[in-house]
Amino acid sequence: MDTVTIRELRNHGGDVVDRVEAGERVTVTRDGRPVAELSAIDPRPTFVPTDRLVREFRGLLAPDDPLAQELREADTPARDPFE
């Protein structure tokens, strides 16, 4: 991981962001100490299958909670809508 000072980031922000967009992680320092880390954002949406949601929420919600009812109704085989 490379390091840039806050001044370098201010003066060469576009270049630093280009490196981050290309996959590099960059630590930003102020007065020699790390204060931030820059990394690229994954543009792909995250799909969580319904059956996993149902498993993880089961027992956590009160039976009369509206979300519990929605999860019971949605308890069907999952299909990734992004494929």
N, C-alpha and C. Protein backbone atom coordinates (compact mmCIF):
# COMPACT_ATOMS: atom_id res chain seq x y z
N MET A 1 0.86 -1.17 0.00
CA MET A 1 0.00 0.00 0.00
C MET A 1 0.90 1.23 0.00
N ASP A 2 0.60 2.15 -0.88
CA ASP A 2 1.38 3.37 -1.00
C ASP A 2 0.84 4.43 -0.04
N THR A 3 1.66 5.43 0.24
CA THR A 3 1.29 6.52 1.14
C THR A 3 1.46 7.85 0.43
N VAL A 4 0.50 8.75 0.64
CA VAL A 4 0.60 10.12 0.15
C VAL A 4 0.28 11.06 1.30
N THR A 5 0.89 12.23 1.26
CA THR A 5 0.58 13.24 2.27
C THR A 5 -0.70 13.96 1.87
N ILE A 6 -1.28 14.64 2.82
CA ILE A 6 -2.50 15.40 2.54
C ILE A 6 -2.21 16.47 1.48
N ARG A 7 -1.02 17.03 1.50
CA ARG A 7 -0.63 18.04 0.51
C ARG A 7 -0.55 17.41 -0.89
N GLU A 8 0.06 16.21 -0.97
CA GLU A 8 0.13 15.53 -2.27
C GLU A 8 -1.27 15.22 -2.79
N LEU A 9 -2.14 14.82 -1.89
CA LEU A 9 -3.51 14.52 -2.30
C LEU A 9 -4.19 15.78 -2.82
N ARG A 10 -4.01 16.88 -2.13
CA ARG A 10 -4.61 18.14 -2.57
C ARG A 10 -4.05 18.57 -3.93
N ASN A 11 -2.75 18.49 -4.09
CA ASN A 11 -2.11 18.97 -5.32
C ASN A 11 -2.22 18.01 -6.50
N HIS A 12 -2.36 16.72 -6.22
CA HIS A 12 -2.37 15.72 -7.29
C HIS A 12 -3.53 14.74 -7.10
N GLY A 13 -4.67 15.27 -6.64
CA GLY A 13 -5.82 14.42 -6.33
C GLY A 13 -6.27 13.55 -7.48
N GLY A 14 -6.31 14.10 -8.69
CA GLY A 14 -6.74 13.32 -9.85
C GLY A 14 -5.83 12.13 -10.10
N ASP A 15 -4.52 12.34 -9.98
CA ASP A 15 -3.57 11.25 -10.19
C ASP A 15 -3.74 10.16 -9.11
N VAL A 16 -3.93 10.60 -7.87
CA VAL A 16 -4.11 9.64 -6.78
C VAL A 16 -5.39 8.83 -6.99
N VAL A 17 -6.47 9.50 -7.37
CA VAL A 17 -7.74 8.81 -7.59
C VAL A 17 -7.62 7.86 -8.79
N ASP A 18 -6.88 8.24 -9.82
CA ASP A 18 -6.65 7.33 -10.95
C ASP A 18 -5.97 6.05 -10.48
N ARG A 19 -5.00 6.17 -9.58
CA ARG A 19 -4.30 4.98 -9.06
C ARG A 19 -5.26 4.11 -8.25
N VAL A 20 -6.08 4.77 -7.44
CA VAL A 20 -7.05 4.03 -6.62
C VAL A 20 -8.05 3.32 -7.52
N GLU A 21 -8.53 4.01 -8.55
CA GLU A 21 -9.49 3.40 -9.47
C GLU A 21 -8.89 2.19 -10.17
N ALA A 22 -7.57 2.21 -10.37
CA ALA A 22 -6.88 1.09 -11.00
C ALA A 22 -6.66 -0.08 -10.04
N GLY A 23 -7.06 0.09 -8.77
CA GLY A 23 -6.98 -1.02 -7.83
C GLY A 23 -6.00 -0.84 -6.69
N GLU A 24 -5.24 0.25 -6.69
CA GLU A 24 -4.27 0.48 -5.63
C GLU A 24 -4.97 1.03 -4.40
N ARG A 25 -4.47 0.68 -3.23
CA ARG A 25 -4.95 1.26 -1.97
C ARG A 25 -3.92 2.28 -1.52
N VAL A 26 -4.38 3.42 -1.07
CA VAL A 26 -3.49 4.52 -0.71
C VAL A 26 -3.82 5.00 0.70
N THR A 27 -2.79 5.14 1.52
CA THR A 27 -2.94 5.71 2.85
C THR A 27 -2.59 7.19 2.78
N VAL A 28 -3.45 8.02 3.36
CA VAL A 28 -3.21 9.47 3.40
C VAL A 28 -2.67 9.80 4.79
N THR A 29 -1.58 10.57 4.82
CA THR A 29 -0.98 10.95 6.09
C THR A 29 -1.06 12.45 6.30
N ARG A 30 -1.11 12.83 7.57
CA ARG A 30 -1.04 14.24 7.98
C ARG A 30 -0.02 14.31 9.10
N ASP A 31 0.97 15.15 8.92
CA ASP A 31 2.05 15.28 9.91
C ASP A 31 2.70 13.93 10.20
N GLY A 32 2.81 13.11 9.16
CA GLY A 32 3.50 11.82 9.29
C GLY A 32 2.68 10.68 9.87
N ARG A 33 1.44 10.92 10.23
CA ARG A 33 0.62 9.82 10.78
C ARG A 33 -0.56 9.53 9.85
N PRO A 34 -0.89 8.26 9.70
CA PRO A 34 -2.00 7.89 8.82
C PRO A 34 -3.33 8.40 9.35
N VAL A 35 -4.14 8.99 8.43
CA VAL A 35 -5.44 9.51 8.84
C VAL A 35 -6.59 8.98 7.99
N ALA A 36 -6.26 8.42 6.82
CA ALA A 36 -7.32 7.90 5.95
C ALA A 36 -6.72 6.87 5.00
N GLU A 37 -7.63 6.06 4.47
CA GLU A 37 -7.23 5.06 3.48
C GLU A 37 -8.20 5.16 2.31
N LEU A 38 -7.66 5.22 1.11
CA LEU A 38 -8.49 5.30 -0.08
C LEU A 38 -8.44 3.95 -0.80
N SER A 39 -9.61 3.48 -1.21
CA SER A 39 -9.70 2.26 -2.00
C SER A 39 -10.88 2.37 -2.94
N ALA A 40 -10.83 1.62 -4.01
CA ALA A 40 -11.89 1.68 -5.02
C ALA A 40 -13.18 1.07 -4.47
N ILE A 41 -14.29 1.54 -5.01
CA ILE A 41 -15.61 1.01 -4.66
C ILE A 41 -15.97 -0.04 -5.69
N ASP A 42 -16.45 -1.18 -5.23
CA ASP A 42 -16.90 -2.23 -6.14
C ASP A 42 -18.25 -1.80 -6.71
N PRO A 43 -18.33 -1.59 -8.02
CA PRO A 43 -19.58 -1.08 -8.60
C PRO A 43 -20.69 -2.12 -8.72
N ARG A 44 -20.35 -3.39 -8.51
CA ARG A 44 -21.37 -4.43 -8.65
C ARG A 44 -22.29 -4.44 -7.43
N PRO A 45 -23.59 -4.56 -7.64
CA PRO A 45 -24.51 -4.66 -6.51
C PRO A 45 -24.32 -5.98 -5.79
N THR A 46 -24.54 -5.98 -4.51
CA THR A 46 -24.41 -7.20 -3.72
C THR A 46 -25.78 -7.86 -3.60
N PHE A 47 -25.85 -9.11 -4.00
CA PHE A 47 -27.09 -9.87 -3.92
C PHE A 47 -27.03 -10.79 -2.72
N VAL A 48 -28.02 -10.71 -1.87
CA VAL A 48 -28.13 -11.61 -0.73
C VAL A 48 -29.35 -12.49 -0.98
N PRO A 49 -29.15 -13.79 -1.16
CA PRO A 49 -30.28 -14.68 -1.43
C PRO A 49 -31.32 -14.63 -0.30
N THR A 50 -32.57 -14.74 -0.68
CA THR A 50 -33.67 -14.69 0.28
C THR A 50 -33.52 -15.75 1.35
N ASP A 51 -33.12 -16.97 0.96
CA ASP A 51 -33.01 -18.03 1.96
C ASP A 51 -31.96 -17.70 3.02
N ARG A 52 -30.92 -16.99 2.64
CA ARG A 52 -29.92 -16.58 3.63
C ARG A 52 -30.50 -15.53 4.57
N LEU A 53 -31.25 -14.56 4.04
CA LEU A 53 -31.90 -13.57 4.90
C LEU A 53 -32.84 -14.23 5.89
N VAL A 54 -33.64 -15.15 5.39
CA VAL A 54 -34.60 -15.85 6.25
C VAL A 54 -33.86 -16.59 7.36
N ARG A 55 -32.79 -17.31 7.01
CA ARG A 55 -32.01 -18.05 8.02
C ARG A 55 -31.43 -17.12 9.07
N GLU A 56 -30.87 -16.00 8.62
CA GLU A 56 -30.18 -15.12 9.56
C GLU A 56 -31.14 -14.31 10.44
N PHE A 57 -32.34 -14.02 9.94
CA PHE A 57 -33.30 -13.26 10.74
C PHE A 57 -34.22 -14.16 11.56
N ARG A 58 -34.29 -15.44 11.24
CA ARG A 58 -35.19 -16.35 11.96
C ARG A 58 -34.88 -16.32 13.45
N GLY A 59 -35.87 -16.09 14.24
CA GLY A 59 -35.73 -16.08 15.70
C GLY A 59 -35.35 -14.71 16.26
N LEU A 60 -34.99 -13.76 15.39
CA LEU A 60 -34.61 -12.44 15.87
C LEU A 60 -35.78 -11.47 15.91
N LEU A 61 -36.81 -11.74 15.14
CA LEU A 61 -37.95 -10.83 15.05
C LEU A 61 -39.16 -11.41 15.77
N ALA A 62 -39.96 -10.53 16.32
CA ALA A 62 -41.21 -10.96 16.94
C ALA A 62 -42.12 -11.51 15.84
N PRO A 63 -42.92 -12.54 16.12
CA PRO A 63 -43.77 -13.14 15.10
C PRO A 63 -44.72 -12.15 14.44
N ASP A 64 -45.14 -11.11 15.18
CA ASP A 64 -46.08 -10.15 14.61
C ASP A 64 -45.36 -8.97 13.92
N ASP A 65 -44.04 -9.00 13.87
CA ASP A 65 -43.28 -7.95 13.18
C ASP A 65 -43.56 -8.03 11.68
N PRO A 66 -43.90 -6.91 11.04
CA PRO A 66 -44.19 -6.92 9.60
C PRO A 66 -43.04 -7.49 8.75
N LEU A 67 -41.81 -7.25 9.17
CA LEU A 67 -40.67 -7.81 8.41
C LEU A 67 -40.65 -9.33 8.51
N ALA A 68 -41.02 -9.87 9.68
CA ALA A 68 -41.07 -11.32 9.83
C ALA A 68 -42.08 -11.92 8.86
N GLN A 69 -43.23 -11.27 8.72
CA GLN A 69 -44.25 -11.74 7.78
C GLN A 69 -43.73 -11.67 6.34
N GLU A 70 -43.06 -10.58 5.96
CA GLU A 70 -42.51 -10.45 4.62
C GLU A 70 -41.48 -11.53 4.34
N LEU A 71 -40.66 -11.84 5.33
CA LEU A 71 -39.66 -12.88 5.14
C LEU A 71 -40.31 -14.25 4.98
N ARG A 72 -41.38 -14.51 5.73
CA ARG A 72 -42.09 -15.79 5.57
C ARG A 72 -42.66 -15.90 4.16
N GLU A 73 -43.23 -14.81 3.66
CA GLU A 73 -43.80 -14.82 2.31
C GLU A 73 -42.72 -14.94 1.24
N ALA A 74 -41.55 -14.43 1.52
CA ALA A 74 -40.46 -14.46 0.54
C ALA A 74 -39.62 -15.72 0.63
N ASP A 75 -39.97 -16.62 1.51
CA ASP A 75 -39.17 -17.83 1.73
C ASP A 75 -39.32 -18.79 0.56
N THR A 76 -38.75 -18.40 -0.57
CA THR A 76 -38.76 -19.22 -1.79
C THR A 76 -37.34 -19.34 -2.30
N PRO A 77 -37.08 -20.26 -3.22
CA PRO A 77 -35.71 -20.38 -3.74
C PRO A 77 -35.23 -19.04 -4.32
N ALA A 78 -33.98 -18.73 -4.04
CA ALA A 78 -33.42 -17.45 -4.46
C ALA A 78 -33.02 -17.45 -5.93
N ARG A 79 -33.14 -16.27 -6.53
CA ARG A 79 -32.69 -16.07 -7.89
C ARG A 79 -31.98 -14.73 -7.93
N ASP A 80 -30.75 -14.70 -8.45
CA ASP A 80 -29.98 -13.46 -8.50
C ASP A 80 -30.54 -12.59 -9.61
N PRO A 81 -31.11 -11.43 -9.29
CA PRO A 81 -31.71 -10.57 -10.32
C PRO A 81 -30.66 -9.87 -11.18
N PHE A 82 -29.39 -9.94 -10.79
CA PHE A 82 -28.35 -9.26 -11.54
C PHE A 82 -27.69 -10.14 -12.57
N GLU A 83 -28.12 -11.37 -12.68
CA GLU A 83 -27.53 -12.29 -13.67
C GLU A 83 -28.29 -12.22 -14.96
